[in-house]
Amino acid sequence: MEENKPLAQNGEIILYQPDSSIRLEVRMEEDTVWLTQAQMAVLFDVNRTVIVKHIGNIYKTNELDETATCAKIAQLQQEGKRTHY
């Protein structure tokens, strides 16, 4: 990691902007970066339904365990909780 870049603290939100076309605010907890389906769609420049399909297939084939890779995380800007992967 570069010296000038701060390390994320537990629960800190990290801004990721590789260029002017993409800007993501992601949640960082310990060594895990959490993104919503919508954030992943922006990151990979695809429709959110593509992300939904891929995530569904990953869980269906048991490639990953849903309980270990999915979390309901409260959003301060909105009421309720949002699923992060």
N, C-alpha and C. Protein backbone atom coordinates (compact mmCIF):
# COMPACT_ATOMS: atom_id res chain seq x y z
N MET A 1 0.84 -1.17 0.00
CA MET A 1 0.00 0.00 0.00
C MET A 1 0.89 1.24 0.00
N GLU A 2 0.49 2.26 -0.72
CA GLU A 2 1.28 3.49 -0.80
C GLU A 2 1.29 4.20 0.56
N GLU A 3 2.38 4.86 0.87
CA GLU A 3 2.53 5.54 2.15
C GLU A 3 1.51 6.65 2.35
N ASN A 4 1.14 7.36 1.31
CA ASN A 4 0.25 8.52 1.43
C ASN A 4 -1.22 8.16 1.55
N LYS A 5 -1.56 6.89 1.34
CA LYS A 5 -2.96 6.49 1.40
C LYS A 5 -3.29 5.98 2.79
N PRO A 6 -4.33 6.54 3.44
CA PRO A 6 -4.68 6.09 4.79
C PRO A 6 -5.32 4.71 4.76
N LEU A 7 -5.08 3.95 5.82
CA LEU A 7 -5.74 2.66 5.97
C LEU A 7 -7.13 2.88 6.53
N ALA A 8 -8.09 2.09 6.07
CA ALA A 8 -9.46 2.21 6.55
C ALA A 8 -9.58 1.66 7.96
N GLN A 9 -10.37 2.32 8.76
CA GLN A 9 -10.68 1.85 10.09
C GLN A 9 -11.98 1.05 10.03
N ASN A 10 -12.27 0.28 11.04
CA ASN A 10 -13.47 -0.55 11.09
C ASN A 10 -14.73 0.28 10.85
N GLY A 11 -15.52 -0.09 9.85
CA GLY A 11 -16.77 0.59 9.54
C GLY A 11 -16.63 1.88 8.76
N GLU A 12 -15.42 2.22 8.37
CA GLU A 12 -15.19 3.47 7.65
C GLU A 12 -15.67 3.34 6.21
N ILE A 13 -16.15 4.43 5.66
CA ILE A 13 -16.57 4.46 4.26
C ILE A 13 -15.41 4.97 3.43
N ILE A 14 -15.09 4.26 2.37
CA ILE A 14 -13.96 4.59 1.51
C ILE A 14 -14.49 5.10 0.17
N LEU A 15 -13.91 6.18 -0.33
CA LEU A 15 -14.27 6.70 -1.65
C LEU A 15 -13.30 6.12 -2.67
N TYR A 16 -13.84 5.56 -3.74
CA TYR A 16 -13.02 4.98 -4.80
C TYR A 16 -13.35 5.69 -6.10
N GLN A 17 -12.37 6.34 -6.70
CA GLN A 17 -12.61 7.07 -7.94
C GLN A 17 -11.37 6.95 -8.82
N PRO A 18 -11.30 5.89 -9.65
CA PRO A 18 -10.12 5.70 -10.49
C PRO A 18 -10.01 6.74 -11.60
N ASP A 19 -11.14 7.27 -12.01
CA ASP A 19 -11.17 8.35 -13.00
C ASP A 19 -12.48 9.11 -12.80
N SER A 20 -12.73 10.08 -13.65
CA SER A 20 -13.92 10.92 -13.46
C SER A 20 -15.23 10.21 -13.80
N SER A 21 -15.18 9.02 -14.41
CA SER A 21 -16.41 8.34 -14.81
C SER A 21 -16.98 7.45 -13.72
N ILE A 22 -16.18 7.07 -12.72
CA ILE A 22 -16.65 6.19 -11.66
C ILE A 22 -16.33 6.80 -10.31
N ARG A 23 -17.33 6.81 -9.44
CA ARG A 23 -17.11 7.24 -8.05
C ARG A 23 -17.98 6.36 -7.16
N LEU A 24 -17.35 5.58 -6.30
CA LEU A 24 -18.07 4.68 -5.41
C LEU A 24 -17.74 5.00 -3.96
N GLU A 25 -18.74 4.99 -3.11
CA GLU A 25 -18.54 5.07 -1.68
C GLU A 25 -18.84 3.67 -1.15
N VAL A 26 -17.81 2.98 -0.68
CA VAL A 26 -17.98 1.61 -0.22
C VAL A 26 -17.71 1.52 1.27
N ARG A 27 -18.26 0.52 1.88
CA ARG A 27 -18.08 0.31 3.32
C ARG A 27 -16.94 -0.68 3.53
N MET A 28 -16.04 -0.33 4.45
CA MET A 28 -14.89 -1.18 4.76
C MET A 28 -14.99 -1.61 6.21
N GLU A 29 -14.96 -2.92 6.45
CA GLU A 29 -14.95 -3.45 7.80
C GLU A 29 -13.85 -4.48 7.90
N GLU A 30 -12.86 -4.20 8.75
CA GLU A 30 -11.67 -5.03 8.90
C GLU A 30 -11.04 -5.22 7.53
N ASP A 31 -10.98 -6.45 7.01
CA ASP A 31 -10.34 -6.66 5.72
C ASP A 31 -11.35 -6.90 4.61
N THR A 32 -12.61 -6.48 4.82
CA THR A 32 -13.68 -6.74 3.85
C THR A 32 -14.24 -5.44 3.31
N VAL A 33 -14.38 -5.35 2.00
CA VAL A 33 -15.04 -4.23 1.34
C VAL A 33 -16.44 -4.69 0.97
N TRP A 34 -17.45 -3.94 1.40
CA TRP A 34 -18.85 -4.29 1.14
C TRP A 34 -19.44 -3.36 0.09
N LEU A 35 -20.10 -3.95 -0.92
CA LEU A 35 -20.78 -3.18 -1.96
C LEU A 35 -22.19 -3.70 -2.14
N THR A 36 -23.10 -2.81 -2.53
CA THR A 36 -24.46 -3.22 -2.90
C THR A 36 -24.43 -3.72 -4.34
N GLN A 37 -25.53 -4.33 -4.75
CA GLN A 37 -25.64 -4.76 -6.15
C GLN A 37 -25.52 -3.56 -7.08
N ALA A 38 -26.12 -2.45 -6.72
CA ALA A 38 -26.05 -1.25 -7.56
C ALA A 38 -24.61 -0.74 -7.68
N GLN A 39 -23.86 -0.78 -6.58
CA GLN A 39 -22.47 -0.34 -6.62
C GLN A 39 -21.62 -1.26 -7.50
N MET A 40 -21.87 -2.57 -7.41
CA MET A 40 -21.13 -3.50 -8.27
C MET A 40 -21.46 -3.28 -9.74
N ALA A 41 -22.71 -2.95 -10.03
CA ALA A 41 -23.10 -2.67 -11.41
C ALA A 41 -22.35 -1.45 -11.95
N VAL A 42 -22.21 -0.42 -11.13
CA VAL A 42 -21.45 0.76 -11.54
C VAL A 42 -19.99 0.39 -11.75
N LEU A 43 -19.42 -0.34 -10.81
CA LEU A 43 -18.01 -0.72 -10.88
C LEU A 43 -17.70 -1.50 -12.15
N PHE A 44 -18.57 -2.46 -12.50
CA PHE A 44 -18.33 -3.31 -13.66
C PHE A 44 -19.02 -2.82 -14.93
N ASP A 45 -19.72 -1.66 -14.85
CA ASP A 45 -20.39 -1.05 -15.99
C ASP A 45 -21.38 -2.01 -16.65
N VAL A 46 -22.24 -2.60 -15.83
CA VAL A 46 -23.30 -3.49 -16.31
C VAL A 46 -24.61 -3.12 -15.62
N ASN A 47 -25.70 -3.67 -16.10
CA ASN A 47 -27.00 -3.47 -15.47
C ASN A 47 -27.04 -4.24 -14.16
N ARG A 48 -27.75 -3.73 -13.16
CA ARG A 48 -27.83 -4.40 -11.86
C ARG A 48 -28.37 -5.82 -11.97
N THR A 49 -29.25 -6.08 -12.94
CA THR A 49 -29.81 -7.42 -13.10
C THR A 49 -28.72 -8.45 -13.43
N VAL A 50 -27.67 -8.02 -14.10
CA VAL A 50 -26.54 -8.92 -14.39
C VAL A 50 -25.86 -9.33 -13.08
N ILE A 51 -25.69 -8.38 -12.19
CA ILE A 51 -25.08 -8.66 -10.88
C ILE A 51 -25.97 -9.61 -10.09
N VAL A 52 -27.29 -9.35 -10.07
CA VAL A 52 -28.24 -10.20 -9.36
C VAL A 52 -28.14 -11.64 -9.86
N LYS A 53 -28.08 -11.80 -11.18
CA LYS A 53 -28.00 -13.14 -11.77
C LYS A 53 -26.70 -13.84 -11.36
N HIS A 54 -25.59 -13.15 -11.43
CA HIS A 54 -24.31 -13.75 -11.08
C HIS A 54 -24.24 -14.12 -9.60
N ILE A 55 -24.73 -13.23 -8.74
CA ILE A 55 -24.74 -13.54 -7.31
C ILE A 55 -25.62 -14.75 -7.03
N GLY A 56 -26.78 -14.79 -7.66
CA GLY A 56 -27.68 -15.94 -7.49
C GLY A 56 -27.01 -17.24 -7.91
N ASN A 57 -26.31 -17.22 -9.04
CA ASN A 57 -25.61 -18.43 -9.51
C ASN A 57 -24.48 -18.83 -8.57
N ILE A 58 -23.78 -17.86 -8.02
CA ILE A 58 -22.68 -18.15 -7.09
C ILE A 58 -23.22 -18.89 -5.86
N TYR A 59 -24.36 -18.42 -5.33
CA TYR A 59 -24.94 -19.08 -4.16
C TYR A 59 -25.58 -20.42 -4.54
N LYS A 60 -26.20 -20.48 -5.70
CA LYS A 60 -26.86 -21.72 -6.15
C LYS A 60 -25.86 -22.86 -6.32
N THR A 61 -24.67 -22.54 -6.82
CA THR A 61 -23.65 -23.58 -7.06
C THR A 61 -22.75 -23.79 -5.84
N ASN A 62 -23.06 -23.09 -4.74
CA ASN A 62 -22.28 -23.18 -3.50
C ASN A 62 -20.82 -22.76 -3.67
N GLU A 63 -20.57 -21.90 -4.65
CA GLU A 63 -19.22 -21.36 -4.81
C GLU A 63 -18.84 -20.53 -3.58
N LEU A 64 -19.84 -19.80 -3.06
CA LEU A 64 -19.66 -19.04 -1.82
C LEU A 64 -20.85 -19.28 -0.92
N ASP A 65 -20.64 -19.12 0.38
CA ASP A 65 -21.70 -19.26 1.36
C ASP A 65 -22.38 -17.90 1.55
N GLU A 66 -23.68 -17.86 1.36
CA GLU A 66 -24.40 -16.59 1.44
C GLU A 66 -24.27 -15.94 2.82
N THR A 67 -24.32 -16.72 3.87
CA THR A 67 -24.24 -16.13 5.22
C THR A 67 -22.88 -15.50 5.48
N ALA A 68 -21.84 -15.97 4.80
CA ALA A 68 -20.50 -15.42 5.01
C ALA A 68 -20.20 -14.24 4.11
N THR A 69 -20.97 -14.07 3.04
CA THR A 69 -20.65 -13.04 2.05
C THR A 69 -21.78 -12.03 1.82
N CYS A 70 -22.77 -12.04 2.67
CA CYS A 70 -23.92 -11.14 2.53
C CYS A 70 -24.24 -10.56 3.90
N ALA A 71 -24.50 -9.24 3.95
CA ALA A 71 -24.83 -8.61 5.22
C ALA A 71 -25.87 -7.53 5.03
N LYS A 72 -26.76 -7.42 6.00
CA LYS A 72 -27.73 -6.32 6.02
C LYS A 72 -27.05 -5.18 6.78
N ILE A 73 -26.77 -4.09 6.10
CA ILE A 73 -26.07 -2.97 6.70
C ILE A 73 -26.96 -1.74 6.62
N ALA A 74 -27.18 -1.09 7.74
CA ALA A 74 -28.04 0.10 7.79
C ALA A 74 -27.42 1.22 6.98
N GLN A 75 -28.25 1.94 6.27
CA GLN A 75 -27.83 3.10 5.50
C GLN A 75 -28.28 4.35 6.23
N LEU A 76 -27.36 5.25 6.52
CA LEU A 76 -27.72 6.47 7.24
C LEU A 76 -28.58 7.39 6.39
N GLN A 77 -28.39 7.38 5.08
CA GLN A 77 -29.12 8.29 4.21
C GLN A 77 -30.57 7.84 3.98
N GLN A 78 -30.86 6.57 4.24
CA GLN A 78 -32.18 6.04 3.95
C GLN A 78 -32.69 5.27 5.15
N GLU A 79 -33.99 5.13 5.23
CA GLU A 79 -34.54 4.29 6.28
C GLU A 79 -34.35 2.83 5.88
N GLY A 80 -34.26 1.97 6.87
CA GLY A 80 -34.14 0.54 6.58
C GLY A 80 -32.71 0.10 6.39
N LYS A 81 -32.59 -1.10 5.87
CA LYS A 81 -31.28 -1.69 5.67
C LYS A 81 -31.11 -2.07 4.21
N ARG A 82 -29.88 -2.17 3.79
CA ARG A 82 -29.58 -2.53 2.42
C ARG A 82 -28.63 -3.72 2.44
N THR A 83 -28.82 -4.65 1.50
CA THR A 83 -27.95 -5.83 1.44
C THR A 83 -26.64 -5.47 0.76
N HIS A 84 -25.54 -5.86 1.39
CA HIS A 84 -24.20 -5.66 0.85
C HIS A 84 -23.56 -7.02 0.65
N TYR A 85 -22.69 -7.11 -0.34
CA TYR A 85 -21.99 -8.36 -0.67
C TYR A 85 -20.51 -8.12 -0.64
